[in-house]
Amino acid sequence: MLTVIQIILSLPLIVAILLQAKGAGLSGVFGGEGNVYRTKRGAEKTLFIFTIVIAVLFFSVALLNVIFVEL
């Protein structure tokens, strides 16, 4: 059951990460990105917080899965 929950959580986590990575490539590594720090506002901030929440839930379910498999 926990494995199914983990798979279900993985889908929105993948989508959220890919949406954040849109527009951010390797150009920042090679000096193409001029602004190093900028604040997140609006939808970008909401997506950022959503990604963190889903990642924490995914990690928690993964830990619970390992704990209950060991028992």
N, C-alpha and C. Protein backbone atom coordinates (compact mmCIF):
# COMPACT_ATOMS: atom_id res chain seq x y z
N MET A 1 0.82 -1.20 0.00
CA MET A 1 0.00 0.00 0.00
C MET A 1 0.87 1.27 0.00
N LEU A 2 1.93 1.24 0.81
CA LEU A 2 2.81 2.41 0.85
C LEU A 2 3.55 2.60 -0.46
N THR A 3 3.83 1.52 -1.14
CA THR A 3 4.50 1.62 -2.43
C THR A 3 3.62 2.32 -3.45
N VAL A 4 2.32 2.03 -3.41
CA VAL A 4 1.38 2.68 -4.32
C VAL A 4 1.30 4.18 -4.02
N ILE A 5 1.27 4.53 -2.74
CA ILE A 5 1.25 5.94 -2.35
C ILE A 5 2.52 6.64 -2.82
N GLN A 6 3.65 5.95 -2.71
CA GLN A 6 4.92 6.52 -3.13
C GLN A 6 4.94 6.75 -4.65
N ILE A 7 4.39 5.82 -5.41
CA ILE A 7 4.33 5.99 -6.86
C ILE A 7 3.41 7.15 -7.21
N ILE A 8 2.28 7.26 -6.52
CA ILE A 8 1.34 8.35 -6.77
C ILE A 8 1.98 9.70 -6.44
N LEU A 9 2.75 9.76 -5.35
CA LEU A 9 3.43 11.01 -4.98
C LEU A 9 4.56 11.35 -5.95
N SER A 10 5.15 10.34 -6.56
CA SER A 10 6.28 10.60 -7.45
C SER A 10 5.86 11.36 -8.70
N LEU A 11 4.65 11.14 -9.18
CA LEU A 11 4.21 11.80 -10.41
C LEU A 11 4.11 13.32 -10.26
N PRO A 12 3.39 13.85 -9.24
CA PRO A 12 3.39 15.31 -9.11
C PRO A 12 4.75 15.89 -8.74
N LEU A 13 5.59 15.09 -8.06
CA LEU A 13 6.93 15.57 -7.73
C LEU A 13 7.77 15.74 -9.00
N ILE A 14 7.68 14.79 -9.90
CA ILE A 14 8.41 14.89 -11.17
C ILE A 14 7.93 16.09 -11.97
N VAL A 15 6.61 16.25 -12.04
CA VAL A 15 6.05 17.38 -12.80
C VAL A 15 6.48 18.71 -12.19
N ALA A 16 6.43 18.82 -10.86
CA ALA A 16 6.80 20.08 -10.20
C ALA A 16 8.27 20.40 -10.43
N ILE A 17 9.13 19.40 -10.38
CA ILE A 17 10.56 19.63 -10.60
C ILE A 17 10.82 20.05 -12.05
N LEU A 18 10.14 19.39 -12.98
CA LEU A 18 10.33 19.75 -14.38
C LEU A 18 9.80 21.15 -14.69
N LEU A 19 8.72 21.55 -14.06
CA LEU A 19 8.20 22.90 -14.27
C LEU A 19 9.15 23.95 -13.72
N GLN A 20 9.81 23.65 -12.62
CA GLN A 20 10.78 24.59 -12.06
C GLN A 20 12.03 24.67 -12.92
N ALA A 21 12.44 23.57 -13.48
CA ALA A 21 13.66 23.53 -14.27
C ALA A 21 13.48 24.18 -15.63
N LYS A 22 12.24 24.46 -16.03
CA LYS A 22 11.99 25.09 -17.32
C LYS A 22 12.60 26.50 -17.31
N GLY A 23 13.46 26.78 -18.24
CA GLY A 23 14.11 28.08 -18.29
C GLY A 23 15.42 28.14 -17.53
N ALA A 24 15.70 27.13 -16.73
CA ALA A 24 16.96 27.09 -15.99
C ALA A 24 17.78 25.95 -16.55
N GLY A 25 18.78 26.28 -17.30
CA GLY A 25 19.61 25.24 -17.91
C GLY A 25 21.03 25.32 -17.42
N LEU A 26 21.94 24.86 -18.24
CA LEU A 26 23.35 24.90 -17.88
C LEU A 26 23.98 26.26 -18.19
N SER A 27 23.18 27.19 -18.71
CA SER A 27 23.76 28.49 -19.03
C SER A 27 24.22 29.23 -17.77
N GLY A 28 23.58 28.96 -16.64
CA GLY A 28 24.00 29.58 -15.40
C GLY A 28 25.36 29.11 -14.93
N VAL A 29 25.71 27.89 -15.29
CA VAL A 29 27.00 27.34 -14.90
C VAL A 29 28.12 28.04 -15.67
N PHE A 30 27.86 28.36 -16.92
CA PHE A 30 28.89 28.95 -17.77
C PHE A 30 28.82 30.46 -17.84
N GLY A 31 28.10 31.08 -16.93
CA GLY A 31 28.09 32.53 -16.87
C GLY A 31 27.00 33.18 -17.69
N GLY A 32 26.07 32.43 -18.21
CA GLY A 32 25.00 33.01 -19.01
C GLY A 32 23.92 33.66 -18.19
N GLU A 33 23.81 33.30 -16.95
CA GLU A 33 22.77 33.84 -16.07
C GLU A 33 23.37 35.03 -15.32
N GLY A 34 22.78 36.20 -15.50
CA GLY A 34 23.32 37.40 -14.88
C GLY A 34 22.92 37.56 -13.43
N ASN A 35 21.67 37.29 -13.10
CA ASN A 35 21.22 37.50 -11.73
C ASN A 35 21.36 36.19 -10.96
N VAL A 36 22.16 36.23 -9.91
CA VAL A 36 22.42 35.05 -9.11
C VAL A 36 21.28 34.83 -8.12
N TYR A 37 20.80 35.90 -7.53
CA TYR A 37 19.75 35.79 -6.52
C TYR A 37 18.55 36.62 -6.94
N ARG A 38 17.40 36.01 -6.89
CA ARG A 38 16.17 36.76 -7.11
C ARG A 38 15.08 36.12 -6.29
N THR A 39 14.10 36.90 -5.92
CA THR A 39 13.03 36.38 -5.08
C THR A 39 11.98 35.69 -5.92
N LYS A 40 11.35 34.70 -5.32
CA LYS A 40 10.27 34.00 -5.99
C LYS A 40 8.96 34.68 -5.61
N ARG A 41 8.11 34.90 -6.59
CA ARG A 41 6.83 35.55 -6.33
C ARG A 41 5.73 34.83 -7.07
N GLY A 42 4.54 34.93 -6.55
CA GLY A 42 3.36 34.42 -7.22
C GLY A 42 3.38 32.93 -7.45
N ALA A 43 3.11 32.54 -8.68
CA ALA A 43 3.00 31.12 -9.03
C ALA A 43 4.33 30.39 -8.84
N GLU A 44 5.44 31.08 -9.07
CA GLU A 44 6.75 30.45 -8.90
C GLU A 44 6.98 30.07 -7.44
N LYS A 45 6.58 30.94 -6.52
CA LYS A 45 6.74 30.66 -5.09
C LYS A 45 5.80 29.53 -4.67
N THR A 46 4.57 29.54 -5.18
CA THR A 46 3.62 28.49 -4.86
C THR A 46 4.12 27.14 -5.36
N LEU A 47 4.66 27.09 -6.56
CA LEU A 47 5.21 25.86 -7.11
C LEU A 47 6.41 25.38 -6.30
N PHE A 48 7.23 26.31 -5.85
CA PHE A 48 8.41 25.99 -5.03
C PHE A 48 7.98 25.35 -3.71
N ILE A 49 7.00 25.94 -3.04
CA ILE A 49 6.51 25.41 -1.77
C ILE A 49 5.83 24.06 -1.98
N PHE A 50 5.04 23.94 -3.07
CA PHE A 50 4.38 22.68 -3.40
C PHE A 50 5.42 21.58 -3.62
N THR A 51 6.51 21.90 -4.28
CA THR A 51 7.57 20.92 -4.53
C THR A 51 8.19 20.45 -3.22
N ILE A 52 8.42 21.37 -2.31
CA ILE A 52 9.00 21.01 -1.01
C ILE A 52 8.05 20.10 -0.23
N VAL A 53 6.77 20.44 -0.21
CA VAL A 53 5.79 19.65 0.52
C VAL A 53 5.69 18.24 -0.06
N ILE A 54 5.60 18.14 -1.38
CA ILE A 54 5.52 16.82 -2.01
C ILE A 54 6.79 16.01 -1.77
N ALA A 55 7.95 16.67 -1.80
CA ALA A 55 9.21 15.97 -1.57
C ALA A 55 9.29 15.44 -0.14
N VAL A 56 8.84 16.23 0.83
CA VAL A 56 8.84 15.78 2.23
C VAL A 56 7.88 14.61 2.41
N LEU A 57 6.71 14.69 1.80
CA LEU A 57 5.76 13.57 1.87
C LEU A 57 6.33 12.31 1.22
N PHE A 58 6.97 12.48 0.07
CA PHE A 58 7.57 11.35 -0.63
C PHE A 58 8.65 10.70 0.23
N PHE A 59 9.51 11.52 0.83
CA PHE A 59 10.59 11.01 1.67
C PHE A 59 10.02 10.31 2.91
N SER A 60 8.97 10.88 3.50
CA SER A 60 8.35 10.28 4.68
C SER A 60 7.74 8.92 4.36
N VAL A 61 7.05 8.83 3.24
CA VAL A 61 6.47 7.56 2.83
C VAL A 61 7.57 6.55 2.52
N ALA A 62 8.66 6.99 1.94
CA ALA A 62 9.78 6.09 1.66
C ALA A 62 10.37 5.53 2.97
N LEU A 63 10.52 6.39 3.97
CA LEU A 63 11.04 5.93 5.26
C LEU A 63 10.07 4.95 5.92
N LEU A 64 8.77 5.28 5.89
CA LEU A 64 7.77 4.37 6.45
C LEU A 64 7.77 3.04 5.71
N ASN A 65 7.96 3.10 4.42
CA ASN A 65 8.01 1.88 3.62
C ASN A 65 9.19 1.00 4.04
N VAL A 66 10.32 1.60 4.27
CA VAL A 66 11.50 0.84 4.70
C VAL A 66 11.29 0.28 6.10
N ILE A 67 10.72 1.08 6.99
CA ILE A 67 10.50 0.63 8.38
C ILE A 67 9.53 -0.54 8.42
N PHE A 68 8.43 -0.44 7.69
CA PHE A 68 7.42 -1.50 7.74
C PHE A 68 7.83 -2.75 6.98
N VAL A 69 8.69 -2.61 6.00
CA VAL A 69 9.19 -3.79 5.29
C VAL A 69 10.14 -4.57 6.19
N GLU A 70 10.88 -3.84 7.02
CA GLU A 70 11.83 -4.49 7.93
C GLU A 70 11.11 -5.27 9.02
N LEU A 71 9.90 -4.86 9.40
CA LEU A 71 9.19 -5.56 10.48
C LEU A 71 8.59 -6.80 10.02
